[in-house]
Amino acid sequence: MPSTQLTAPSLGGQLIAEGLSFAGYSEDLPAAGSLVVKSGEYARKHNPWSDFTDVPQATSNLPFSDFPANDFSKLPTVSFVVPNQKHEMHSGTVKAGDDWLKSNIGPYATWARSHNSLLIVTWDEGRSDNHIPTILFGAAVRKGNFAYASDHYRILRTIEQMYGLEPLGAAADNAPLRKLFRTSTTTTTAVPPPVTTPKIAETIFSNSAISSSAWEKLMTEPFVGPLQFA
């Protein structure tokens, strides 16, 4: 966590500058816009959008209690969810994290499949070799395990590509994760299985309904960069 907020651009700031919306929801954040370092089981080090001046803190740095659990259509274009340190397995058990995820994000996951929305569950670090799982669930996601190399820069590039945003930092040198998505974006009304991931992420990304033009940008716009999409 930097000692002062960063003036460099961020994903949240990019979205807002394009007339889209962004919010991060942190469990146990004491108040909207708070820049407190620690409060109970909340730790600002797990709240990256609080570090950037291009994100309006009062409206985009929110406690998880503000998450629109009763109407997911009210979600911003892109949102982050960060559990507290007990529920993201930093200080708590795997079961506690799994139970929190199922209870708090499971209903959204069900909604996402039939509302052209996307849930990404990922971690900020692993052990030893620092490999981490990343789970994508929702509309247009291909079913299966994909073993090709990925990292947070590719996740960032994927989101930026969907909304026609300029890639930030090392995201410019990474290809979007196109292979994870079907070329057809027809939504389904099928009810997905319960969310039973073996672990919970420190950061969960969710989108409100994704427009067909956003999917088209991801799947069809040429990727320009030094890497080729595997």
C-alpha atoms as a PDB file:
ATOM      1  CA  MET A   1       0.000   0.000   0.000  1.00  0.00           C
ATOM      2  CA  PRO A   2       1.541   3.363  -0.998  1.00  0.00           C
ATOM      3  CA  SER A   3       2.050   6.060   1.607  1.00  0.00           C
ATOM      4  CA  THR A   4       0.140   8.528  -0.581  1.00  0.00           C
ATOM      5  CA  GLN A   5      -2.508   7.995  -3.244  1.00  0.00           C
ATOM      6  CA  LEU A   6      -1.285   7.391  -6.773  1.00  0.00           C
ATOM      7  CA  THR A   7      -1.948   9.855  -9.593  1.00  0.00           C
ATOM      8  CA  ALA A   8      -1.370   7.196 -12.274  1.00  0.00           C
ATOM      9  CA  PRO A   9      -4.479   5.955 -14.118  1.00  0.00           C
ATOM     10  CA  SER A  10      -6.407   2.936 -12.844  1.00  0.00           C
ATOM     11  CA  LEU A  11      -9.051   0.615 -14.275  1.00  0.00           C
ATOM     12  CA  GLY A  12     -11.747   2.286 -12.180  1.00  0.00           C
ATOM     13  CA  GLY A  13     -10.692   5.722 -13.357  1.00  0.00           C
ATOM     14  CA  GLN A  14     -10.617   4.573 -16.983  1.00  0.00           C
ATOM     15  CA  LEU A  15     -14.178   3.275 -16.806  1.00  0.00           C
ATOM     16  CA  ILE A  16     -15.498   6.417 -15.147  1.00  0.00           C
ATOM     17  CA  ALA A  17     -13.719   8.662 -17.670  1.00  0.00           C
ATOM     18  CA  GLU A  18     -15.531   6.798 -20.470  1.00  0.00           C
ATOM     19  CA  GLY A  19     -18.929   7.414 -18.896  1.00  0.00           C
ATOM     20  CA  LEU A  20     -19.148   3.878 -17.486  1.00  0.00           C
ATOM     21  CA  SER A  21     -19.357   3.005 -13.811  1.00  0.00           C
ATOM     22  CA  PHE A  22     -17.097   1.362 -11.243  1.00  0.00           C
ATOM     23  CA  ALA A  23     -17.262   0.497  -7.563  1.00  0.00           C
ATOM     24  CA  GLY A  24     -15.352  -1.633  -5.101  1.00  0.00           C
ATOM     25  CA  TYR A  25     -17.118  -3.247  -2.140  1.00  0.00           C
ATOM     26  CA  SER A  26     -14.939  -4.134   0.859  1.00  0.00           C
ATOM     27  CA  GLU A  27     -16.288  -6.157   3.757  1.00  0.00           C
ATOM     28  CA  ASP A  28     -15.914  -4.277   7.074  1.00  0.00           C
ATOM     29  CA  LEU A  29     -14.848  -0.996   5.456  1.00  0.00           C
ATOM     30  CA  PRO A  30     -16.056   1.378   8.201  1.00  0.00           C
ATOM     31  CA  ALA A  31     -17.605   3.994   5.867  1.00  0.00           C
ATOM     32  CA  ALA A  32     -17.875   4.922   2.206  1.00  0.00           C
ATOM     33  CA  GLY A  33     -14.715   6.680   1.070  1.00  0.00           C
ATOM     34  CA  SER A  34     -12.710   5.685   4.136  1.00  0.00           C
ATOM     35  CA  LEU A  35      -8.943   5.505   3.678  1.00  0.00           C
ATOM     36  CA  VAL A  36      -8.319   3.933   7.074  1.00  0.00           C
ATOM     37  CA  VAL A  37      -5.436   1.453   7.009  1.00  0.00           C
ATOM     38  CA  LYS A  38      -7.129  -1.139   9.219  1.00  0.00           C
ATOM     39  CA  SER A  39     -10.485  -1.516  10.911  1.00  0.00           C
ATOM     40  CA  GLY A  40     -11.412  -4.808  12.537  1.00  0.00           C
ATOM     41  CA  GLU A  41     -10.871  -7.467   9.863  1.00  0.00           C
ATOM     42  CA  TYR A  42     -10.726  -4.884   7.063  1.00  0.00           C
ATOM     43  CA  ALA A  43      -7.258  -4.116   5.678  1.00  0.00           C
ATOM     44  CA  ARG A  44      -6.728  -1.385   3.105  1.00  0.00           C
ATOM     45  CA  LYS A  45      -3.821  -3.302   1.564  1.00  0.00           C
ATOM     46  CA  HIS A  46      -6.466  -5.514  -0.079  1.00  0.00           C
ATOM     47  CA  ASN A  47      -8.387  -2.521  -1.459  1.00  0.00           C
ATOM     48  CA  PRO A  48      -6.429  -1.278  -4.504  1.00  0.00           C
ATOM     49  CA  TRP A  49      -8.910   1.337  -5.769  1.00  0.00           C
ATOM     50  CA  SER A  50      -8.427   3.285  -2.525  1.00  0.00           C
ATOM     51  CA  ASP A  51      -4.881   4.018  -3.723  1.00  0.00           C
ATOM     52  CA  PHE A  52      -5.804   6.017  -6.841  1.00  0.00           C
ATOM     53  CA  THR A  53      -6.865   9.634  -7.130  1.00  0.00           C
ATOM     54  CA  ASP A  54      -8.841   9.036 -10.348  1.00  0.00           C
ATOM     55  CA  VAL A  55     -11.449   6.996  -8.432  1.00  0.00           C
ATOM     56  CA  PRO A  56     -13.996   9.112  -6.492  1.00  0.00           C
ATOM     57  CA  GLN A  57     -13.721   7.576  -3.054  1.00  0.00           C
ATOM     58  CA  ALA A  58     -17.104   8.677  -1.703  1.00  0.00           C
ATOM     59  CA  THR A  59     -19.037   6.931  -4.477  1.00  0.00           C
ATOM     60  CA  SER A  60     -16.719   4.126  -5.576  1.00  0.00           C
ATOM     61  CA  ASN A  61     -14.945   2.975  -2.395  1.00  0.00           C
ATOM     62  CA  LEU A  62     -17.858   1.319  -0.618  1.00  0.00           C
ATOM     63  CA  PRO A  63     -18.498  -1.099   2.247  1.00  0.00           C
ATOM     64  CA  PHE A  64     -19.836  -4.501   1.248  1.00  0.00           C
ATOM     65  CA  SER A  65     -23.083  -3.636   2.994  1.00  0.00           C
ATOM     66  CA  ASP A  66     -23.754  -1.381  -0.057  1.00  0.00           C
ATOM     67  CA  PHE A  67     -23.503  -4.301  -2.492  1.00  0.00           C
ATOM     68  CA  PRO A  68     -26.899  -4.440  -4.286  1.00  0.00           C
ATOM     69  CA  ALA A  69     -27.688  -8.003  -3.213  1.00  0.00           C
ATOM     70  CA  ASN A  70     -31.429  -7.612  -3.839  1.00  0.00           C
ATOM     71  CA  ASP A  71     -31.112  -6.247  -7.362  1.00  0.00           C
ATOM     72  CA  PHE A  72     -27.950  -7.120  -9.272  1.00  0.00           C
ATOM     73  CA  SER A  73     -29.029  -4.979 -12.213  1.00  0.00           C
ATOM     74  CA  LYS A  74     -27.922  -2.045 -10.051  1.00  0.00           C
ATOM     75  CA  LEU A  75     -24.316  -3.209 -10.115  1.00  0.00           C
ATOM     76  CA  PRO A  76     -21.887  -0.828 -11.823  1.00  0.00           C
ATOM     77  CA  THR A  77     -20.321  -1.707 -15.164  1.00  0.00           C
ATOM     78  CA  VAL A  78     -17.414  -3.323 -13.324  1.00  0.00           C
ATOM     79  CA  SER A  79     -17.211  -3.980  -9.613  1.00  0.00           C
ATOM     80  CA  PHE A  80     -14.797  -5.580  -7.188  1.00  0.00           C
ATOM     81  CA  VAL A  81     -15.699  -7.412  -3.993  1.00  0.00           C
ATOM     82  CA  VAL A  82     -13.096  -7.966  -1.279  1.00  0.00           C
ATOM     83  CA  PRO A  83     -14.005 -10.127   1.746  1.00  0.00           C
ATOM     84  CA  ASN A  84     -12.491  -9.306   5.109  1.00  0.00           C
ATOM     85  CA  GLN A  85      -9.367 -11.120   6.278  1.00  0.00           C
ATOM     86  CA  LYS A  86     -11.329 -13.933   7.926  1.00  0.00           C
ATOM     87  CA  HIS A  87     -13.413 -14.598   4.859  1.00  0.00           C
ATOM     88  CA  GLU A  88     -10.586 -14.454   2.319  1.00  0.00           C
ATOM     89  CA  MET A  89      -8.596 -17.075   4.235  1.00  0.00           C
ATOM     90  CA  HIS A  90      -5.856 -14.760   5.426  1.00  0.00           C
ATOM     91  CA  SER A  91      -6.890 -15.151   9.055  1.00  0.00           C
ATOM     92  CA  GLY A  92      -9.781 -17.602   8.758  1.00  0.00           C
ATOM     93  CA  THR A  93     -10.423 -21.131   7.585  1.00  0.00           C
ATOM     94  CA  VAL A  94     -11.077 -22.400   4.085  1.00  0.00           C
ATOM     95  CA  LYS A  95     -14.583 -23.407   5.160  1.00  0.00           C
ATOM     96  CA  ALA A  96     -15.334 -19.933   6.507  1.00  0.00           C
ATOM     97  CA  GLY A  97     -14.300 -18.468   3.167  1.00  0.00           C
ATOM     98  CA  ASP A  98     -16.299 -20.987   1.163  1.00  0.00           C
ATOM     99  CA  ASP A  99     -19.393 -20.398   3.258  1.00  0.00           C
ATOM    100  CA  TRP A 100     -19.095 -16.621   2.849  1.00  0.00           C
ATOM    101  CA  LEU A 101     -18.684 -16.926  -0.901  1.00  0.00           C
ATOM    102  CA  LYS A 102     -21.674 -19.237  -1.270  1.00  0.00           C
ATOM    103  CA  SER A 103     -23.899 -17.062   0.899  1.00  0.00           C
ATOM    104  CA  ASN A 104     -22.897 -13.642  -0.409  1.00  0.00           C
ATOM    105  CA  ILE A 105     -21.861 -14.208  -4.041  1.00  0.00           C
ATOM    106  CA  GLY A 106     -23.753 -17.408  -4.893  1.00  0.00           C
ATOM    107  CA  PRO A 107     -27.023 -15.568  -5.698  1.00  0.00           C
ATOM    108  CA  TYR A 108     -25.178 -13.207  -8.032  1.00  0.00           C
ATOM    109  CA  ALA A 109     -23.480 -16.165  -9.770  1.00  0.00           C
ATOM    110  CA  THR A 110     -26.908 -17.668 -10.455  1.00  0.00           C
ATOM    111  CA  TRP A 111     -28.150 -14.328 -11.811  1.00  0.00           C
ATOM    112  CA  ALA A 112     -25.050 -13.831 -13.983  1.00  0.00           C
ATOM    113  CA  ARG A 113     -25.684 -16.847 -16.198  1.00  0.00           C
ATOM    114  CA  SER A 114     -29.062 -15.602 -17.394  1.00  0.00           C
ATOM    115  CA  HIS A 115     -28.259 -11.871 -17.480  1.00  0.00           C
ATOM    116  CA  ASN A 116     -25.176 -11.733 -19.703  1.00  0.00           C
ATOM    117  CA  SER A 117     -22.926 -11.023 -16.744  1.00  0.00           C
ATOM    118  CA  LEU A 118     -19.531 -12.295 -15.675  1.00  0.00           C
ATOM    119  CA  LEU A 119     -18.033 -13.330 -12.337  1.00  0.00           C
ATOM    120  CA  ILE A 120     -14.261 -13.682 -11.937  1.00  0.00           C
ATOM    121  CA  VAL A 121     -12.874 -15.193  -8.753  1.00  0.00           C
ATOM    122  CA  THR A 122      -9.139 -14.825  -8.247  1.00  0.00           C
ATOM    123  CA  TRP A 123      -6.430 -14.530  -5.590  1.00  0.00           C
ATOM    124  CA  ASP A 124      -3.689 -11.984  -5.036  1.00  0.00           C
ATOM    125  CA  GLU A 125      -0.989 -14.510  -4.159  1.00  0.00           C
ATOM    126  CA  GLY A 126      -0.220 -18.183  -3.684  1.00  0.00           C
ATOM    127  CA  ARG A 127       2.365 -20.274  -1.880  1.00  0.00           C
ATOM    128  CA  SER A 128       5.851 -21.406  -2.932  1.00  0.00           C
ATOM    129  CA  ASP A 129       5.658 -21.018  -6.757  1.00  0.00           C
ATOM    130  CA  ASN A 130       2.887 -18.399  -6.334  1.00  0.00           C
ATOM    131  CA  HIS A 131       0.520 -20.121  -8.762  1.00  0.00           C
ATOM    132  CA  ILE A 132      -3.133 -19.266  -8.151  1.00  0.00           C
ATOM    133  CA  PRO A 133      -6.441 -20.465  -9.576  1.00  0.00           C
ATOM    134  CA  THR A 134      -8.718 -18.056 -11.390  1.00  0.00           C
ATOM    135  CA  ILE A 135     -12.370 -18.968 -11.943  1.00  0.00           C
ATOM    136  CA  LEU A 136     -14.643 -17.369 -14.535  1.00  0.00           C
ATOM    137  CA  PHE A 137     -18.367 -18.059 -14.320  1.00  0.00           C
ATOM    138  CA  GLY A 138     -21.339 -16.606 -16.120  1.00  0.00           C
ATOM    139  CA  ALA A 139     -22.573 -15.791 -19.587  1.00  0.00           C
ATOM    140  CA  ALA A 140     -20.532 -16.900 -22.620  1.00  0.00           C
ATOM    141  CA  VAL A 141     -17.889 -18.674 -20.508  1.00  0.00           C
ATOM    142  CA  ARG A 142     -16.643 -21.943 -21.972  1.00  0.00           C
ATOM    143  CA  LYS A 143     -16.790 -24.915 -19.630  1.00  0.00           C
ATOM    144  CA  GLY A 144     -13.481 -26.571 -18.826  1.00  0.00           C
ATOM    145  CA  ASN A 145     -10.035 -26.257 -17.286  1.00  0.00           C
ATOM    146  CA  PHE A 146      -7.556 -24.118 -19.181  1.00  0.00           C
ATOM    147  CA  ALA A 147      -3.898 -24.644 -18.436  1.00  0.00           C
ATOM    148  CA  TYR A 148      -2.302 -21.948 -20.575  1.00  0.00           C
ATOM    149  CA  ALA A 149      -0.391 -19.176 -18.861  1.00  0.00           C
ATOM    150  CA  SER A 150      -2.338 -16.274 -17.383  1.00  0.00           C
ATOM    151  CA  ASP A 151      -1.890 -13.622 -14.743  1.00  0.00           C
ATOM    152  CA  HIS A 152      -3.576 -10.484 -13.426  1.00  0.00           C
ATOM    153  CA  TYR A 153      -2.321  -8.467 -16.397  1.00  0.00           C
ATOM    154  CA  ARG A 154      -4.281 -10.724 -18.761  1.00  0.00           C
ATOM    155  CA  ILE A 155      -7.396 -10.341 -16.625  1.00  0.00           C
ATOM    156  CA  LEU A 156      -6.942  -6.566 -16.718  1.00  0.00           C
ATOM    157  CA  ARG A 157      -6.381  -6.612 -20.497  1.00  0.00           C
ATOM    158  CA  THR A 158      -9.516  -8.727 -20.974  1.00  0.00           C
ATOM    159  CA  ILE A 159     -11.690  -6.227 -19.108  1.00  0.00           C
ATOM    160  CA  GLU A 160     -10.088  -3.242 -20.847  1.00  0.00           C
ATOM    161  CA  GLN A 161     -10.566  -4.853 -24.260  1.00  0.00           C
ATOM    162  CA  MET A 162     -14.269  -5.415 -23.573  1.00  0.00           C
ATOM    163  CA  TYR A 163     -14.826  -1.709 -22.955  1.00  0.00           C
ATOM    164  CA  GLY A 164     -12.417  -0.320 -25.535  1.00  0.00           C
ATOM    165  CA  LEU A 165     -10.013   1.031 -22.904  1.00  0.00           C
ATOM    166  CA  GLU A 166      -6.334   1.742 -23.413  1.00  0.00           C
ATOM    167  CA  PRO A 167      -4.311  -1.051 -21.736  1.00  0.00           C
ATOM    168  CA  LEU A 168      -2.513   0.059 -18.597  1.00  0.00           C
ATOM    169  CA  GLY A 169       1.108  -0.787 -17.810  1.00  0.00           C
ATOM    170  CA  ALA A 170       2.105  -4.375 -18.512  1.00  0.00           C
ATOM    171  CA  ALA A 171      -1.442  -5.192 -19.630  1.00  0.00           C
ATOM    172  CA  ALA A 172      -0.365  -3.731 -22.981  1.00  0.00           C
ATOM    173  CA  ASP A 173       2.074  -6.630 -23.366  1.00  0.00           C
ATOM    174  CA  ASN A 174      -0.521  -9.297 -22.591  1.00  0.00           C
ATOM    175  CA  ALA A 175      -3.342 -10.712 -24.716  1.00  0.00           C
ATOM    176  CA  PRO A 176      -6.955 -10.878 -23.524  1.00  0.00           C
ATOM    177  CA  LEU A 177      -8.322 -14.257 -22.448  1.00  0.00           C
ATOM    178  CA  ARG A 178     -10.443 -14.807 -25.533  1.00  0.00           C
ATOM    179  CA  LYS A 179     -10.213 -18.593 -25.436  1.00  0.00           C
ATOM    180  CA  LEU A 180     -12.279 -18.688 -22.255  1.00  0.00           C
ATOM    181  CA  PHE A 181     -15.397 -17.367 -23.978  1.00  0.00           C
ATOM    182  CA  ARG A 182     -17.840 -18.718 -26.534  1.00  0.00           C
ATOM    183  CA  THR A 183     -18.209 -16.704 -29.710  1.00  0.00           C
ATOM    184  CA  SER A 184     -21.994 -16.690 -29.222  1.00  0.00           C
ATOM    185  CA  THR A 185     -23.252 -14.470 -26.403  1.00  0.00           C
ATOM    186  CA  THR A 186     -26.788 -15.848 -26.323  1.00  0.00           C
ATOM    187  CA  THR A 187     -27.847 -15.913 -22.690  1.00  0.00           C
ATOM    188  CA  THR A 188     -29.365 -18.932 -21.026  1.00  0.00           C
ATOM    189  CA  THR A 189     -32.018 -19.264 -18.399  1.00  0.00           C
ATOM    190  CA  ALA A 190     -30.531 -22.477 -17.059  1.00  0.00           C
ATOM    191  CA  VAL A 191     -29.854 -22.418 -13.348  1.00  0.00           C
ATOM    192  CA  PRO A 192     -26.149 -23.098 -12.687  1.00  0.00           C
ATOM    193  CA  PRO A 193     -24.946 -25.452  -9.971  1.00  0.00           C
ATOM    194  CA  PRO A 194     -24.247 -24.003  -6.510  1.00  0.00           C
ATOM    195  CA  VAL A 195     -20.996 -22.136  -6.116  1.00  0.00           C
ATOM    196  CA  THR A 196     -18.720 -24.591  -4.347  1.00  0.00           C
ATOM    197  CA  THR A 197     -15.234 -23.366  -5.116  1.00  0.00           C
ATOM    198  CA  PRO A 198     -12.545 -24.997  -2.978  1.00  0.00           C
ATOM    199  CA  LYS A 199     -11.204 -21.655  -1.831  1.00  0.00           C
ATOM    200  CA  ILE A 200     -12.305 -18.050  -1.851  1.00  0.00           C
ATOM    201  CA  ALA A 201     -10.510 -15.183  -3.481  1.00  0.00           C
ATOM    202  CA  GLU A 202      -9.273 -12.041  -1.871  1.00  0.00           C
ATOM    203  CA  THR A 203     -10.789 -10.229  -4.833  1.00  0.00           C
ATOM    204  CA  ILE A 204     -13.961 -11.070  -6.707  1.00  0.00           C
ATOM    205  CA  PHE A 205     -14.823  -9.183  -9.875  1.00  0.00           C
ATOM    206  CA  SER A 206     -18.390  -8.871 -11.057  1.00  0.00           C
ATOM    207  CA  ASN A 207     -20.082  -7.096 -13.907  1.00  0.00           C
ATOM    208  CA  SER A 208     -23.585  -5.888 -14.439  1.00  0.00           C
ATOM    209  CA  ALA A 209     -25.126  -7.027 -17.737  1.00  0.00           C
ATOM    210  CA  ILE A 210     -22.484  -6.872 -20.448  1.00  0.00           C
ATOM    211  CA  SER A 211     -23.554  -5.305 -23.726  1.00  0.00           C
ATOM    212  CA  SER A 212     -23.238  -7.202 -26.987  1.00  0.00           C
ATOM    213  CA  SER A 213     -20.825  -4.535 -28.229  1.00  0.00           C
ATOM    214  CA  ALA A 214     -18.523  -5.234 -25.274  1.00  0.00           C
ATOM    215  CA  TRP A 215     -18.426  -8.937 -26.091  1.00  0.00           C
ATOM    216  CA  GLU A 216     -17.805  -8.074 -29.745  1.00  0.00           C
ATOM    217  CA  LYS A 217     -14.841  -5.895 -28.840  1.00  0.00           C
ATOM    218  CA  LEU A 218     -13.342  -8.714 -26.801  1.00  0.00           C
ATOM    219  CA  MET A 219     -13.870 -11.416 -29.433  1.00  0.00           C
ATOM    220  CA  THR A 220     -13.266  -9.586 -32.703  1.00  0.00           C
ATOM    221  CA  GLU A 221     -11.114  -6.498 -32.294  1.00  0.00           C
ATOM    222  CA  PRO A 222      -7.493  -7.152 -33.244  1.00  0.00           C
ATOM    223  CA  PHE A 223      -4.962  -7.459 -30.463  1.00  0.00           C
ATOM    224  CA  VAL A 224      -1.947  -5.258 -30.984  1.00  0.00           C
ATOM    225  CA  GLY A 225       1.077  -6.043 -28.879  1.00  0.00           C
ATOM    226  CA  PRO A 226       4.347  -7.969 -28.709  1.00  0.00           C
ATOM    227  CA  LEU A 227       2.651 -11.202 -27.538  1.00  0.00           C
ATOM    228  CA  GLN A 228       0.471 -13.503 -29.579  1.00  0.00           C
ATOM    229  CA  PHE A 229      -2.642 -15.010 -28.049  1.00  0.00           C
ATOM    230  CA  ALA A 230      -1.921 -18.688 -27.345  1.00  0.00           C
END
